[in-house]
Amino acid sequence: MLPDNAFRAEAAAWLAQHAPAMRARLDAASNDRARFDAGRAWQRELYDDRWAGISWPTEYGGRGATPAQATIFAEEQARFAVSSGFVGSTIGMVGPTLLRYGNEAQRLRYLRPLLRADETWCQLFSEPSAGSDLANLSTRADRHGDEFVVNGQKVWTSNAHLCDFAILLARTNPDVPKHRGISFLLLDLRAPGVEIRPLRQITGAAHFNEVFLTDARVPLENVVGDVDGGWAPARVVLAHEASVIGGGNSAATGYDALLDLARMRDCRRDPIVRQRLAHVYTREQILGYMKHRVLQSVRSGDRPEIDGSVMKVLWSEARRERAELGVALLGAGGALCDEWPAQLLEQFSGTIGGGTNEVHRTMIGERVLGLPPEPRVDRDVSYRELVAARA
């Protein structure tokens, strides 16, 4: 295994040779499909040259290097402003979950195609009545011999229309408390009984989908972990999702872009504008310091020092504040601009997606600050009783 300094030099040299073309392709991508395909192509390029799954075991397609070296590559890749985007984020959710909770047959079947993006994945968790309270989900998976028959509806599923497989939470036992009767399933989205309908957003895009499951069949071998024990692997996915969202950033809509806009509008000396720019800059720097601390702790082999919920809430609020300032600086000219108004309209995907900010604040209070937990009167009540009580 290379020493860290030599590893960084090799990664930087490889990226210098390959990343500019990828950056150009990302810049040219004009819709979700183009961005998805560009991310998929970059992931395959990473895999083929052994830069994907750096800390994954070699038997599953990884490089077998250290978490510290995976962090080093992430730092170097960020310098070139390239990534595999949505494809990479779902690899980061599905891969660690299968490595921790999957059986050997599942790891051998799914991990290599996942890591190379030959098969792409999405997440079927949220439902119309089970978003913030995810454990309230009602999608059923009934056992019939050696398979489950699944019926229900999922919503707000990013890029389901572009993916091959999904990680699915479904209720397999309604006679136990709601967190204990959920199973974690691997679903082929091309199977009969799976219908994907796009949701048109306020910006005109259709990034999200609702997915209807009507007698969709999932083999018993596609249960990850134990039947009725799906909440544990689900929490791994949710923790990663919050960290990924909180660690996101876009140079195109960051502080530097706002400063350029203030100069163009000749209002950077306005004291109110300067105050708001300073606030944006401060938030951006704080997030950068937090990301650095997380990377340092991972590099040292420790648990991240910063809770993912903290980063997620701060990131989404900072994103909203940047968009509000950008639109304010544009004034009436905002009607002729795409970027900042679109960011303002999309703000709710950050404050709601990956768990609402209100839910994350509750988790911060309990996990980080050690405050008394929220009252949970349904902790020991079966899901069937909860449904009957609401009827």
Protein backbone atom coordinates (compact mmCIF):
# COMPACT_ATOMS: atom_id res chain seq x y z
CA MET A 1 0.00 0.00 0.00
CA LEU A 2 1.30 3.43 -0.95
CA PRO A 3 2.21 5.94 1.78
CA ASP A 4 -0.30 8.78 2.01
CA ASN A 5 1.98 11.36 0.37
CA ALA A 6 2.65 9.11 -2.61
CA PHE A 7 -1.04 8.22 -2.83
CA ARG A 8 -2.00 11.91 -2.93
CA ALA A 9 0.54 12.62 -5.66
CA GLU A 10 -0.69 9.70 -7.77
CA ALA A 11 -4.34 10.76 -7.30
CA ALA A 12 -3.58 14.39 -8.22
CA ALA A 13 -1.72 13.33 -11.35
CA TRP A 14 -4.52 11.04 -12.48
CA LEU A 15 -7.16 13.70 -11.85
CA ALA A 16 -5.16 16.34 -13.70
CA GLN A 17 -5.22 14.08 -16.74
CA HIS A 18 -8.88 12.97 -16.59
CA ALA A 19 -10.94 15.52 -14.62
CA PRO A 20 -10.94 18.50 -17.05
CA ALA A 21 -12.84 16.56 -19.72
CA MET A 22 -15.33 15.43 -17.12
CA ARG A 23 -15.75 18.99 -15.83
CA ALA A 24 -16.52 20.12 -19.36
CA ARG A 25 -19.12 17.38 -19.75
CA LEU A 26 -20.78 18.34 -16.47
CA ASP A 27 -20.86 22.01 -17.49
CA ALA A 28 -22.52 21.06 -20.77
CA ALA A 29 -25.18 18.88 -19.09
CA SER A 30 -28.50 20.72 -19.43
CA ASN A 31 -30.94 18.32 -17.75
CA ASP A 32 -31.22 15.55 -15.16
CA ARG A 33 -30.61 12.78 -17.68
CA ALA A 34 -27.43 14.40 -19.00
CA ARG A 35 -26.10 15.01 -15.48
CA PHE A 36 -26.98 11.46 -14.45
CA ASP A 37 -25.25 9.97 -17.50
CA ALA A 38 -22.18 12.16 -16.95
CA GLY A 39 -21.94 11.03 -13.34
CA ARG A 40 -22.33 7.42 -14.38
CA ALA A 41 -19.55 7.77 -16.97
CA TRP A 42 -17.23 9.34 -14.41
CA GLN A 43 -17.94 6.56 -11.92
CA ARG A 44 -17.02 3.95 -14.52
CA GLU A 45 -13.81 5.81 -15.30
CA LEU A 46 -12.96 5.88 -11.59
CA TYR A 47 -13.70 2.18 -11.23
CA ASP A 48 -11.73 1.09 -14.28
CA ASP A 49 -8.61 2.90 -13.03
CA ARG A 50 -9.10 1.71 -9.41
CA TRP A 51 -10.15 5.05 -7.92
CA ALA A 52 -13.66 3.91 -6.88
CA GLY A 53 -14.38 2.31 -3.52
CA ILE A 54 -10.90 3.17 -2.32
CA SER A 55 -11.45 1.80 1.19
CA TRP A 56 -13.72 -1.06 0.07
CA PRO A 57 -12.35 -4.63 0.22
CA THR A 58 -10.71 -5.74 -3.02
CA GLU A 59 -12.97 -8.80 -3.28
CA TYR A 60 -15.91 -6.46 -3.89
CA GLY A 61 -14.19 -4.24 -6.44
CA GLY A 62 -12.54 -1.77 -4.09
CA ARG A 63 -8.92 -0.78 -3.75
CA GLY A 64 -8.45 -2.09 -0.20
CA ALA A 65 -6.83 1.16 0.93
CA THR A 66 -7.42 3.04 4.15
CA PRO A 67 -10.28 5.43 5.00
CA ALA A 68 -7.62 8.12 5.22
CA GLN A 69 -6.66 7.56 1.59
CA ALA A 70 -10.31 7.61 0.55
CA THR A 71 -10.50 11.01 2.21
CA ILE A 72 -7.35 12.17 0.43
CA PHE A 73 -8.84 11.25 -2.94
CA ALA A 74 -12.08 13.07 -2.07
CA GLU A 75 -10.06 16.19 -1.23
CA GLU A 76 -8.12 16.04 -4.48
CA GLN A 77 -11.24 15.38 -6.54
CA ALA A 78 -12.95 18.39 -4.95
CA ARG A 79 -10.11 20.60 -6.15
CA PHE A 80 -11.15 19.77 -9.72
CA ALA A 81 -14.87 20.29 -8.96
CA VAL A 82 -15.88 16.91 -10.36
CA SER A 83 -17.87 14.04 -8.91
CA SER A 84 -20.24 11.29 -9.97
CA GLY A 85 -23.06 13.25 -8.33
CA PHE A 86 -26.28 11.38 -7.59
CA VAL A 87 -24.73 8.08 -8.70
CA GLY A 88 -21.90 8.50 -6.22
CA SER A 89 -24.20 9.49 -3.37
CA THR A 90 -26.34 6.36 -3.77
CA ILE A 91 -23.22 4.20 -3.95
CA GLY A 92 -22.28 5.76 -0.63
CA MET A 93 -25.67 4.81 0.83
CA VAL A 94 -26.14 1.32 -0.60
CA GLY A 95 -22.52 0.11 -0.49
CA PRO A 96 -21.78 0.59 3.23
CA THR A 97 -25.18 -0.86 4.10
CA LEU A 98 -24.55 -4.05 2.13
CA LEU A 99 -21.01 -4.31 3.47
CA ARG A 100 -22.32 -4.11 7.03
CA TYR A 101 -25.68 -5.89 6.88
CA GLY A 102 -25.74 -7.79 3.59
CA ASN A 103 -24.87 -11.47 3.32
CA GLU A 104 -22.03 -12.75 1.18
CA ALA A 105 -24.26 -13.68 -1.75
CA GLN A 106 -25.70 -10.14 -1.80
CA ARG A 107 -22.26 -8.55 -1.63
CA LEU A 108 -20.95 -10.69 -4.48
CA ARG A 109 -24.04 -10.07 -6.62
CA TYR A 110 -24.50 -6.33 -6.16
CA LEU A 111 -21.38 -4.52 -5.00
CA ARG A 112 -19.22 -4.58 -8.14
CA PRO A 113 -22.02 -3.52 -10.53
CA LEU A 114 -22.99 -0.85 -7.99
CA LEU A 115 -19.45 0.49 -7.67
CA ARG A 116 -18.94 0.67 -11.43
CA ALA A 117 -22.42 2.17 -11.95
CA ASP A 118 -23.35 -0.65 -14.30
CA GLU A 119 -26.45 -0.85 -12.10
CA THR A 120 -27.75 2.34 -10.54
CA TRP A 121 -29.86 2.68 -7.41
CA CYS A 122 -32.39 4.94 -5.74
CA GLN A 123 -34.10 4.99 -2.36
CA LEU A 124 -37.75 4.00 -1.76
CA PHE A 125 -38.27 5.16 1.83
CA SER A 126 -40.67 8.15 2.11
CA GLU A 127 -44.42 7.84 1.69
CA PRO A 128 -47.28 10.37 1.57
CA SER A 129 -47.97 9.77 5.28
CA ALA A 130 -44.49 8.68 6.31
CA GLY A 131 -41.88 11.33 5.63
CA SER A 132 -40.70 12.95 8.83
CA ASP A 133 -42.01 9.93 10.75
CA LEU A 134 -40.53 7.36 8.40
CA ALA A 135 -41.31 4.41 10.69
CA ASN A 136 -45.00 5.15 10.11
CA LEU A 137 -44.71 3.69 6.61
CA SER A 138 -47.61 1.58 5.40
CA THR A 139 -46.22 -0.15 2.29
CA ARG A 140 -46.81 -3.86 2.94
CA ALA A 141 -44.62 -6.81 2.08
CA ASP A 142 -46.55 -10.05 2.62
CA ARG A 143 -44.69 -13.35 2.69
CA HIS A 144 -45.75 -15.87 0.05
CA GLY A 145 -43.42 -18.86 0.08
CA ASP A 146 -39.92 -17.78 -0.86
CA GLU A 147 -40.86 -14.23 -1.86
CA PHE A 148 -42.58 -11.09 -0.61
CA VAL A 149 -45.50 -9.49 -2.43
CA VAL A 150 -45.27 -5.71 -2.03
CA ASN A 151 -48.11 -3.19 -2.23
CA GLY A 152 -47.93 0.51 -1.47
CA GLN A 153 -46.78 3.93 -2.62
CA LYS A 154 -43.47 5.76 -2.24
CA VAL A 155 -42.87 9.43 -3.01
CA TRP A 156 -40.09 12.00 -3.48
CA THR A 157 -37.79 9.37 -4.95
CA SER A 158 -34.93 11.11 -6.72
CA ASN A 159 -34.13 9.78 -10.20
CA ALA A 160 -36.21 6.61 -9.87
CA HIS A 161 -37.00 6.95 -13.58
CA LEU A 162 -33.29 6.66 -14.38
CA CYS A 163 -32.32 3.80 -12.04
CA ASP A 164 -32.24 0.02 -12.20
CA PHE A 165 -32.69 -0.98 -8.54
CA ALA A 166 -33.95 0.49 -5.28
CA ILE A 167 -33.48 -0.03 -1.59
CA LEU A 168 -37.00 -0.41 -0.22
CA LEU A 169 -38.48 -0.23 3.28
CA ALA A 170 -41.72 -2.17 3.71
CA ARG A 171 -43.79 -3.37 6.64
CA THR A 172 -43.57 -7.11 7.13
CA ASN A 173 -45.11 -7.35 10.60
CA PRO A 174 -47.90 -5.00 11.74
CA ASP A 175 -48.28 -6.69 15.14
CA VAL A 176 -45.14 -5.23 16.70
CA PRO A 177 -44.17 -1.57 17.40
CA LYS A 178 -43.68 0.32 14.18
CA HIS A 179 -39.85 0.40 14.17
CA ARG A 180 -39.59 -3.37 14.70
CA GLY A 181 -41.81 -4.66 11.92
CA ILE A 182 -39.99 -3.15 8.92
CA SER A 183 -37.77 -5.04 6.48
CA PHE A 184 -35.07 -3.69 4.19
CA LEU A 185 -35.48 -5.07 0.66
CA LEU A 186 -33.63 -4.86 -2.66
CA LEU A 187 -36.10 -4.19 -5.47
CA ASP A 188 -35.59 -4.54 -9.22
CA LEU A 189 -37.35 -1.47 -10.63
CA ARG A 190 -37.93 -3.28 -13.92
CA ALA A 191 -40.05 -5.96 -12.21
CA PRO A 192 -43.79 -6.26 -12.96
CA GLY A 193 -45.94 -4.23 -10.60
CA VAL A 194 -43.56 -1.25 -10.35
CA GLU A 195 -44.92 2.00 -11.82
CA ILE A 196 -42.82 5.18 -11.73
CA ARG A 197 -44.53 8.55 -12.23
CA PRO A 198 -42.54 11.81 -12.40
CA LEU A 199 -43.45 14.74 -10.15
CA ARG A 200 -43.25 18.08 -11.93
CA GLN A 201 -41.57 20.64 -9.67
CA ILE A 202 -42.15 24.37 -9.42
CA THR A 203 -39.02 24.94 -11.53
CA GLY A 204 -40.41 22.80 -14.34
CA ALA A 205 -37.96 19.94 -13.71
CA ALA A 206 -39.07 16.41 -12.82
CA HIS A 207 -36.25 15.19 -10.62
CA PHE A 208 -38.53 13.47 -8.08
CA ASN A 209 -40.94 10.61 -8.62
CA GLU A 210 -43.74 8.75 -6.95
CA VAL A 211 -43.54 4.97 -7.23
CA PHE A 212 -46.56 2.68 -7.05
CA LEU A 213 -46.06 -0.96 -6.08
CA THR A 214 -48.86 -3.34 -7.02
CA ASP A 215 -48.18 -7.00 -6.21
CA ALA A 216 -44.48 -6.41 -6.93
CA ARG A 217 -42.51 -9.51 -6.02
CA VAL A 218 -39.22 -9.49 -4.11
CA PRO A 219 -37.34 -12.77 -3.51
CA LEU A 220 -36.68 -13.64 0.12
CA GLU A 221 -32.97 -13.64 -0.73
CA ASN A 222 -33.24 -9.87 -1.28
CA VAL A 223 -33.87 -9.10 2.39
CA VAL A 224 -30.89 -7.23 3.85
CA GLY A 225 -30.30 -8.19 7.47
CA ASP A 226 -33.17 -9.83 9.32
CA VAL A 227 -36.82 -9.93 8.37
CA ASP A 228 -38.53 -7.29 10.55
CA GLY A 229 -35.07 -5.90 11.37
CA GLY A 230 -34.80 -3.33 8.58
CA TRP A 231 -34.63 -0.26 10.79
CA ALA A 232 -30.94 -0.81 11.63
CA PRO A 233 -29.70 -0.81 7.99
CA ALA A 234 -32.13 2.04 7.23
CA ARG A 235 -30.44 4.18 9.88
CA VAL A 236 -27.07 3.61 8.18
CA VAL A 237 -28.58 4.94 4.95
CA LEU A 238 -30.19 7.94 6.66
CA ALA A 239 -27.01 8.92 8.50
CA HIS A 240 -25.02 8.88 5.26
CA GLU A 241 -27.74 10.79 3.42
CA ALA A 242 -27.69 13.61 5.98
CA SER A 243 -23.89 13.84 5.83
CA VAL A 244 -23.85 13.89 2.02
CA ILE A 245 -26.49 16.61 1.87
CA GLY A 246 -24.72 18.65 4.55
CA GLY A 247 -21.41 18.31 2.78
CA GLY A 248 -22.74 19.51 -0.56
CA ASN A 249 -21.73 22.78 -2.14
CA SER A 250 -21.93 24.51 -5.49
CA ALA A 251 -19.34 27.03 -6.56
CA ALA A 252 -21.85 28.37 -9.10
CA THR A 253 -24.10 29.63 -6.29
CA GLY A 254 -21.59 30.23 -3.49
CA TYR A 255 -20.16 33.37 -1.90
CA ASP A 256 -17.84 34.21 -4.80
CA ALA A 257 -20.75 34.12 -7.24
CA LEU A 258 -22.77 36.43 -4.99
CA LEU A 259 -19.84 38.85 -4.64
CA ASP A 260 -19.49 38.97 -8.43
CA LEU A 261 -23.21 39.65 -8.73
CA ALA A 262 -23.02 42.48 -6.16
CA ARG A 263 -20.14 44.05 -8.12
CA MET A 264 -22.06 43.73 -11.37
CA ARG A 265 -25.08 45.42 -9.79
CA ASP A 266 -22.79 48.08 -8.28
CA CYS A 267 -24.13 47.58 -4.76
CA ARG A 268 -21.27 45.86 -2.94
CA ARG A 269 -20.68 49.02 -0.88
CA ASP A 270 -24.26 49.11 0.36
CA PRO A 271 -24.00 48.41 4.13
CA ILE A 272 -27.00 46.02 4.18
CA VAL A 273 -25.66 44.10 1.19
CA ARG A 274 -22.22 43.94 2.79
CA GLN A 275 -23.74 42.61 6.01
CA ARG A 276 -25.65 39.91 4.16
CA LEU A 277 -22.58 38.99 2.10
CA ALA A 278 -20.58 38.70 5.32
CA HIS A 279 -23.23 36.37 6.73
CA VAL A 280 -23.09 34.18 3.62
CA TYR A 281 -19.28 34.11 3.77
CA THR A 282 -19.33 33.18 7.46
CA ARG A 283 -21.76 30.30 6.93
CA GLU A 284 -19.71 29.02 3.99
CA GLN A 285 -16.49 29.08 6.02
CA ILE A 286 -18.09 27.37 9.02
CA LEU A 287 -19.38 24.59 6.79
CA GLY A 288 -15.91 24.26 5.28
CA TYR A 289 -14.36 23.93 8.74
CA MET A 290 -16.94 21.32 9.71
CA LYS A 291 -16.27 19.28 6.58
CA HIS A 292 -12.55 19.50 7.31
CA ARG A 293 -13.08 18.21 10.84
CA VAL A 294 -15.17 15.32 9.57
CA LEU A 295 -12.51 14.41 7.00
CA GLN A 296 -9.76 14.63 9.62
CA SER A 297 -11.61 12.32 12.00
CA VAL A 298 -12.27 9.82 9.19
CA ARG A 299 -8.61 10.00 8.19
CA SER A 300 -7.66 9.16 11.77
CA GLY A 301 -10.02 6.19 11.81
CA ASP A 302 -12.34 7.81 14.36
CA ARG A 303 -16.06 8.52 14.27
CA PRO A 304 -16.91 11.90 12.68
CA GLU A 305 -16.75 14.68 15.23
CA ILE A 306 -19.64 16.59 13.67
CA ASP A 307 -23.11 15.07 13.66
CA GLY A 308 -24.55 14.82 10.15
CA SER A 309 -27.76 16.52 11.28
CA VAL A 310 -25.83 19.66 12.26
CA MET A 311 -24.25 19.92 8.84
CA LYS A 312 -27.50 19.17 7.02
CA VAL A 313 -29.45 21.91 8.81
CA LEU A 314 -26.70 24.50 8.44
CA TRP A 315 -26.16 23.68 4.76
CA SER A 316 -29.85 23.91 3.84
CA GLU A 317 -30.33 27.21 5.68
CA ALA A 318 -27.17 28.69 4.16
CA ARG A 319 -28.37 27.60 0.71
CA ARG A 320 -31.70 29.35 1.23
CA GLU A 321 -30.03 32.55 2.44
CA ARG A 322 -27.71 32.64 -0.57
CA ALA A 323 -30.64 32.21 -2.95
CA GLU A 324 -32.64 34.95 -1.23
CA LEU A 325 -29.72 37.37 -1.48
CA GLY A 326 -29.06 36.46 -5.11
CA VAL A 327 -32.67 37.19 -6.08
CA ALA A 328 -32.65 40.42 -4.05
CA LEU A 329 -29.50 41.60 -5.84
CA LEU A 330 -31.04 40.86 -9.23
CA GLY A 331 -34.15 42.87 -8.46
CA ALA A 332 -36.57 43.02 -11.37
CA GLY A 333 -33.82 41.59 -13.57
CA GLY A 334 -34.37 38.26 -11.82
CA ALA A 335 -37.23 37.62 -14.25
CA LEU A 336 -34.61 37.27 -17.00
CA CYS A 337 -32.24 35.04 -15.00
CA ASP A 338 -32.41 31.29 -14.42
CA GLU A 339 -29.84 30.39 -11.76
CA TRP A 340 -30.73 32.35 -8.62
CA PRO A 341 -34.55 32.19 -8.94
CA ALA A 342 -34.24 28.44 -9.53
CA GLN A 343 -32.12 28.10 -6.40
CA LEU A 344 -34.75 30.00 -4.42
CA LEU A 345 -37.56 27.80 -5.72
CA GLU A 346 -35.54 24.65 -5.01
CA GLN A 347 -34.75 25.59 -1.41
CA PHE A 348 -37.34 23.19 -0.03
CA SER A 349 -35.58 20.16 -1.49
CA GLY A 350 -32.80 20.98 0.98
CA THR A 351 -34.93 21.72 4.03
CA ILE A 352 -37.24 18.72 3.46
CA GLY A 353 -35.09 16.18 1.58
CA GLY A 354 -33.12 13.74 3.71
CA GLY A 355 -35.42 14.42 6.65
CA THR A 356 -36.96 17.78 7.50
CA ASN A 357 -34.88 20.33 9.35
CA GLU A 358 -37.34 20.12 12.24
CA VAL A 359 -36.69 16.39 12.65
CA HIS A 360 -32.94 16.94 12.42
CA ARG A 361 -33.15 19.65 15.09
CA THR A 362 -34.86 17.13 17.36
CA MET A 363 -32.02 14.67 16.73
CA ILE A 364 -29.44 17.38 17.41
CA GLY A 365 -31.15 18.14 20.72
CA GLU A 366 -31.18 14.49 21.77
CA ARG A 367 -27.92 13.17 20.31
CA VAL A 368 -25.66 16.19 20.40
CA LEU A 369 -26.93 18.35 23.24
CA GLY A 370 -28.17 15.51 25.45
CA LEU A 371 -31.59 17.09 25.98
CA PRO A 372 -34.50 14.95 27.22
CA PRO A 373 -35.99 12.97 24.33
CA GLU A 374 -39.29 13.85 22.76
CA PRO A 375 -42.26 11.98 24.30
CA ARG A 376 -42.93 8.84 22.28
CA VAL A 377 -46.24 7.44 23.41
CA ASP A 378 -46.29 4.89 20.59
CA ARG A 379 -42.98 3.25 21.46
CA ASP A 380 -44.53 0.00 22.73
CA VAL A 381 -47.76 0.05 20.71
CA SER A 382 -48.11 -2.23 17.69
CA TYR A 383 -48.47 -0.66 14.27
CA ARG A 384 -51.86 -2.35 13.84
CA GLU A 385 -53.12 -0.65 17.02
CA LEU A 386 -51.83 2.73 15.83
CA VAL A 387 -53.72 2.38 12.55
CA ALA A 388 -56.91 1.34 14.40
CA ALA A 389 -56.59 4.32 16.76
CA ARG A 390 -56.37 6.72 13.80
CA ALA A 391 -59.36 5.20 12.01
